[in-house]
Protein backbone atom coordinates (compact mmCIF):
# COMPACT_ATOMS: atom_id res chain seq x y z
CA MET A 1 265.72 -7.67 255.88
CA PRO A 2 266.16 -3.93 255.28
CA MET A 3 264.55 -1.52 257.71
CA LYS A 4 261.29 -0.10 256.47
CA ARG A 5 261.46 3.59 255.66
CA ARG A 6 259.52 5.85 258.00
CA THR A 7 258.43 9.42 257.41
CA ILE A 8 258.67 11.87 260.31
CA ILE A 9 256.86 15.17 259.88
CA LEU A 10 258.83 18.12 261.23
CA GLY A 11 257.73 21.66 261.89
CA GLY A 12 259.14 22.61 258.48
CA GLY A 13 259.28 19.39 256.48
CA ALA A 14 259.66 15.61 256.63
CA LEU A 15 262.50 13.42 257.85
CA LEU A 16 262.68 10.08 256.03
CA ALA A 17 264.41 7.33 257.99
CA GLY A 18 265.47 4.22 256.11
CA ALA A 19 268.23 1.64 256.01
CA GLY A 20 271.53 3.45 256.36
CA ALA A 21 270.31 6.95 255.53
CA VAL A 22 268.47 9.94 256.89
CA PHE A 23 267.17 12.65 254.56
CA VAL A 24 265.60 15.98 255.45
CA VAL A 25 263.06 17.50 253.09
CA ARG A 26 262.49 21.11 254.12
CA GLY A 27 259.27 23.03 253.69
CA SER A 28 258.17 26.50 254.64
CA GLY A 29 255.92 27.59 257.47
CA SER A 30 253.20 30.20 257.27
CA GLY A 31 252.61 33.31 259.29
CA GLY A 32 249.55 34.33 261.23
CA ALA A 33 247.81 32.26 263.84
CA PRO A 34 248.42 28.81 262.24
CA ILE A 35 252.14 28.11 262.60
CA SER A 36 252.10 25.35 259.98
CA ARG A 37 249.78 24.09 257.26
CA HIS A 38 250.92 20.65 256.17
CA SER A 39 249.11 18.57 253.56
CA PHE A 40 248.53 14.93 254.45
CA ASP A 41 247.66 11.79 252.54
CA TRP A 42 246.24 10.60 255.87
CA LYS A 43 242.62 10.44 256.89
CA ALA A 44 241.36 10.43 260.46
CA SER A 45 240.11 6.89 259.81
CA ASP A 46 243.74 5.78 259.30
CA PHE A 47 244.16 6.03 263.08
CA ARG A 48 242.72 3.84 265.80
CA SER A 49 239.91 5.12 267.95
CA GLY A 50 238.72 4.33 271.45
CA GLY A 51 242.02 4.74 273.27
CA THR A 52 245.01 2.50 273.89
CA ALA A 53 243.20 -0.80 274.56
CA GLY A 54 244.67 -3.62 272.49
CA ILE A 55 247.94 -1.86 271.65
CA SER A 56 250.96 -4.02 272.37
CA GLY A 57 254.22 -2.74 273.77
CA ALA A 58 256.02 -3.74 270.55
CA LEU A 59 255.88 -0.34 268.85
CA PRO A 60 258.93 0.73 266.82
CA GLU A 61 261.57 2.84 268.49
CA PRO A 62 260.89 6.58 268.26
CA ILE A 63 263.00 8.61 265.83
CA PHE A 64 264.38 11.96 266.95
CA ARG A 65 265.66 14.61 264.55
CA ALA A 66 269.42 15.08 264.45
CA GLU A 67 269.29 18.89 264.51
CA PRO A 68 268.60 21.08 266.31
CA GLN A 69 268.88 19.14 269.54
CA CYS A 70 271.33 20.77 271.93
CA THR A 71 269.14 23.80 272.58
CA ALA A 72 267.72 24.69 275.97
CA THR A 73 263.95 24.23 276.10
CA LEU A 74 262.31 27.37 277.41
CA ALA A 75 260.38 27.18 280.65
CA GLN A 76 256.64 27.78 280.62
CA THR A 77 254.01 28.13 283.31
CA LEU A 78 252.99 25.09 285.38
CA GLY A 79 249.33 25.99 284.90
CA PRO A 80 246.41 25.50 287.29
CA CYS A 81 245.73 21.85 286.36
CA HIS A 82 248.79 20.22 287.93
CA THR A 83 248.22 17.68 290.72
CA SER A 84 250.43 15.82 293.17
CA ASP A 85 251.12 12.09 293.70
CA VAL A 86 251.21 11.21 289.99
CA PRO A 87 251.95 7.49 289.39
CA ILE A 88 254.90 6.07 287.47
CA ARG A 89 253.37 4.30 284.45
CA SER A 90 253.78 4.06 280.68
CA ASP A 91 250.08 4.01 279.73
CA VAL A 92 248.53 7.09 281.32
CA THR A 93 245.02 6.83 279.87
CA ASP A 94 243.04 5.00 282.57
CA GLY A 95 240.92 3.74 279.68
CA VAL A 96 239.73 7.11 278.31
CA ALA A 97 238.81 7.28 274.63
CA GLY A 98 240.78 9.08 271.96
CA LEU A 99 243.30 8.68 269.16
CA PRO A 100 246.13 6.53 270.62
CA THR A 101 249.31 8.58 270.79
CA ARG A 102 252.78 7.70 272.01
CA ILE A 103 254.67 10.69 273.35
CA SER A 104 258.43 10.18 273.37
CA LEU A 105 260.77 12.71 274.94
CA ARG A 106 264.57 12.67 274.75
CA LEU A 107 266.31 14.66 277.49
CA VAL A 108 269.78 16.06 276.80
CA GLU A 109 272.08 18.56 278.48
CA ALA A 110 271.82 21.65 276.30
CA ALA A 111 275.52 22.49 276.67
CA THR A 112 276.94 19.04 275.86
CA CYS A 113 274.21 16.98 274.15
CA LYS A 114 274.81 14.30 276.80
CA PRO A 115 271.65 12.27 277.58
CA VAL A 116 270.06 12.98 280.96
CA GLU A 117 269.61 9.58 282.59
CA GLY A 118 267.50 8.99 285.70
CA ALA A 119 265.31 12.09 285.40
CA ASP A 120 261.74 11.92 286.68
CA VAL A 121 259.59 13.14 283.77
CA GLU A 122 255.92 13.94 284.33
CA ILE A 123 253.27 14.75 281.72
CA TRP A 124 249.62 15.79 281.96
CA HIS A 125 247.00 17.03 279.51
CA ALA A 126 243.28 17.31 278.78
CA ASP A 127 241.11 14.52 277.37
CA ALA A 128 239.20 14.63 274.07
CA ARG A 129 236.58 16.86 275.71
CA GLY A 130 239.17 19.38 276.90
CA VAL A 131 238.82 18.22 280.53
CA TYR A 132 241.62 17.48 283.03
CA SER A 133 241.47 14.86 285.76
CA GLY A 134 242.21 15.22 289.46
CA GLU A 135 241.77 17.68 292.28
CA ALA A 136 242.88 20.74 290.35
CA ALA A 137 241.51 24.26 289.91
CA ALA A 138 237.80 24.42 289.12
CA MET A 139 238.45 25.69 285.60
CA CYS A 140 240.17 22.36 284.78
CA ASN A 141 237.11 20.15 285.30
CA ALA A 142 234.27 22.27 286.64
CA ASP A 143 231.15 20.31 287.65
CA ASP A 144 232.73 16.99 286.63
CA ALA A 145 232.90 14.94 289.81
CA GLU A 146 234.04 11.81 287.97
CA ALA A 147 237.01 13.60 286.38
CA ARG A 148 238.01 15.12 289.73
CA SER A 149 238.07 11.66 291.34
CA THR A 150 240.37 10.07 288.71
CA SER A 151 243.90 10.59 287.37
CA PHE A 152 243.55 9.98 283.63
CA LEU A 153 246.20 11.41 281.29
CA ARG A 154 248.74 11.93 284.05
CA GLY A 155 251.90 9.91 284.52
CA ARG A 156 255.63 9.81 285.20
CA GLN A 157 258.56 7.89 283.74
CA ILE A 158 262.28 7.70 284.59
CA SER A 159 264.57 8.50 281.65
CA ASP A 160 266.78 5.64 280.41
CA ALA A 161 270.48 5.66 279.51
CA ASN A 162 269.64 7.49 276.28
CA GLY A 163 267.61 10.11 278.15
CA ILE A 164 264.34 8.78 276.66
CA VAL A 165 260.88 8.31 278.14
CA SER A 166 257.73 7.22 276.29
CA PHE A 167 254.08 7.47 277.33
CA LEU A 168 251.03 5.88 275.75
CA THR A 169 248.21 8.40 275.82
CA VAL A 170 245.55 9.89 273.53
CA TYR A 171 245.61 13.02 271.40
CA PRO A 172 244.83 15.99 273.66
CA GLY A 173 241.56 17.85 273.36
CA TRP A 174 241.29 21.62 273.19
CA TYR A 175 239.70 24.21 275.42
CA PRO A 176 239.13 27.96 275.00
CA SER A 177 242.12 30.32 274.72
CA ARG A 178 244.67 27.50 274.48
CA ALA A 179 246.30 25.75 271.55
CA VAL A 180 246.54 21.95 271.68
CA HIS A 181 249.27 21.13 274.21
CA ILE A 182 250.69 18.88 276.90
CA HIS A 183 252.46 19.88 280.11
CA LEU A 184 255.76 18.42 281.26
CA ARG A 185 257.89 18.63 284.38
CA VAL A 186 261.43 17.27 284.84
CA LEU A 187 263.08 16.56 288.20
CA VAL A 188 266.28 14.85 289.33
CA GLY A 189 265.94 13.86 292.95
CA ASP A 190 264.16 16.77 294.61
CA ARG A 191 265.57 19.34 292.17
CA GLU A 192 263.21 20.70 289.52
CA LEU A 193 265.07 21.11 286.22
CA LEU A 194 262.27 22.25 283.94
CA VAL A 195 258.55 22.98 283.74
CA SER A 196 257.29 23.55 280.21
CA GLN A 197 254.61 22.77 277.61
CA LEU A 198 254.68 21.31 274.09
CA LEU A 199 252.37 21.90 271.13
CA PHE A 200 250.92 19.89 268.23
CA ASP A 201 250.88 20.82 264.56
CA ASP A 202 247.81 22.91 263.65
CA ALA A 203 247.02 20.93 260.50
CA LEU A 204 247.28 17.65 262.38
CA SER A 205 244.85 18.94 265.00
CA ASP A 206 242.44 19.96 262.23
CA LEU A 207 242.62 16.45 260.76
CA VAL A 208 241.93 14.84 264.15
CA TYR A 209 239.19 17.17 265.35
CA GLN A 210 237.28 17.27 262.07
CA GLY A 211 237.34 13.57 261.26
CA HIS A 212 238.24 11.29 264.16
CA PRO A 213 235.15 9.78 265.83
CA ASP A 214 236.38 10.48 269.35
CA TYR A 215 236.68 14.25 268.70
CA ARG A 216 234.48 15.42 265.85
CA GLY A 217 231.37 16.06 267.96
CA ARG A 218 232.95 19.13 269.57
CA PRO A 219 232.72 22.71 268.27
CA VAL A 220 235.46 23.98 265.96
CA ARG A 221 238.44 25.18 268.01
CA ALA A 222 239.22 28.87 267.91
CA THR A 223 242.88 29.02 269.03
CA MET A 224 245.79 28.03 266.80
CA ASN A 225 249.42 27.76 267.93
CA GLY A 226 250.21 31.33 266.92
CA GLY A 227 247.34 32.74 268.96
CA ASP A 228 247.91 30.83 272.18
CA THR A 229 247.72 32.75 275.46
CA VAL A 230 250.87 31.15 276.93
CA PHE A 231 253.22 31.04 273.92
CA SER A 232 254.17 34.07 271.88
CA SER A 233 253.66 33.61 268.15
CA SER A 234 257.43 33.94 267.63
CA ASP A 235 258.22 31.17 270.16
CA ALA A 236 255.44 28.69 269.41
CA ALA A 237 257.14 27.03 266.42
CA ARG A 238 260.02 25.93 268.66
CA PHE A 239 257.70 23.84 270.84
CA ILE A 240 255.86 21.72 268.23
CA PHE A 241 256.23 17.92 268.29
CA ASP A 242 257.67 16.01 265.35
CA PHE A 243 255.27 13.20 264.48
CA GLU A 244 254.53 10.17 262.32
CA LYS A 245 251.70 7.71 261.76
CA LEU A 246 252.73 4.21 262.85
CA ASP A 247 251.44 1.23 260.87
CA VAL A 248 249.21 0.09 263.73
CA GLY A 249 247.24 3.34 263.62
CA VAL A 250 249.02 5.00 266.54
CA LEU A 251 250.34 8.57 266.32
CA GLN A 252 253.98 8.94 267.37
CA ALA A 253 254.91 12.38 268.75
CA SER A 254 258.60 13.03 269.55
CA TYR A 255 260.58 15.95 270.95
CA THR A 256 264.09 16.54 272.26
CA VAL A 257 264.09 18.49 275.53
CA GLY A 258 267.27 20.48 276.18
CA ILE A 259 268.04 20.91 279.88
CA ALA A 260 269.99 24.04 280.79
CA ALA A 261 272.74 23.73 283.39
């Protein structure tokens, strides 16, 4: 049976993956605060709601773009919402609601393109309300005792022989002055190789926040990728996930992380 064709949305177009072929259809970005303005046939109702409950582990393998890939990912600030003692786990949700999202990262050596096997990769991000879990700075979950006592949307994985880790999570919420993002940290042994952050397409965030039942009750967000307080507008486009809608209603977000020597 031939492999079903899948469409991966890039920062500037769509990558179509089918049996025996990969095609790149290029588009153009836009200036100003929104880095990209894609048009989708999707509706928010095409995605699952409520979180990751009921999703099997039999999701298709993530697809990573062929180019560019051997480029060092720039470091970004750790931020005030990092915590210690994060568990190794593939589903990081702790049952919180949201659009189910699988985040897949491929780690490569920037100089050689060789996969980085055995790296300890940690992610963390806010929930649909824009709140972080754990004993972090007060700005991360002020006056939310329940959030401070839990560890939702935090987890670690060890990269495989192909340098890949995947996490089941939910689409991040927004909070003032920041674009929609996740944090990541990469270590090998006790050596920290990278601390950075990754962004989500502006148009995709609009689709989610305006129509998905787990998000649409919040006010309209004010900060697009180009107006973020951490990323410069010239750098932001380099940090945006590629993504696709899987048949089971899960969002797949993928990114190749280049590790500098």
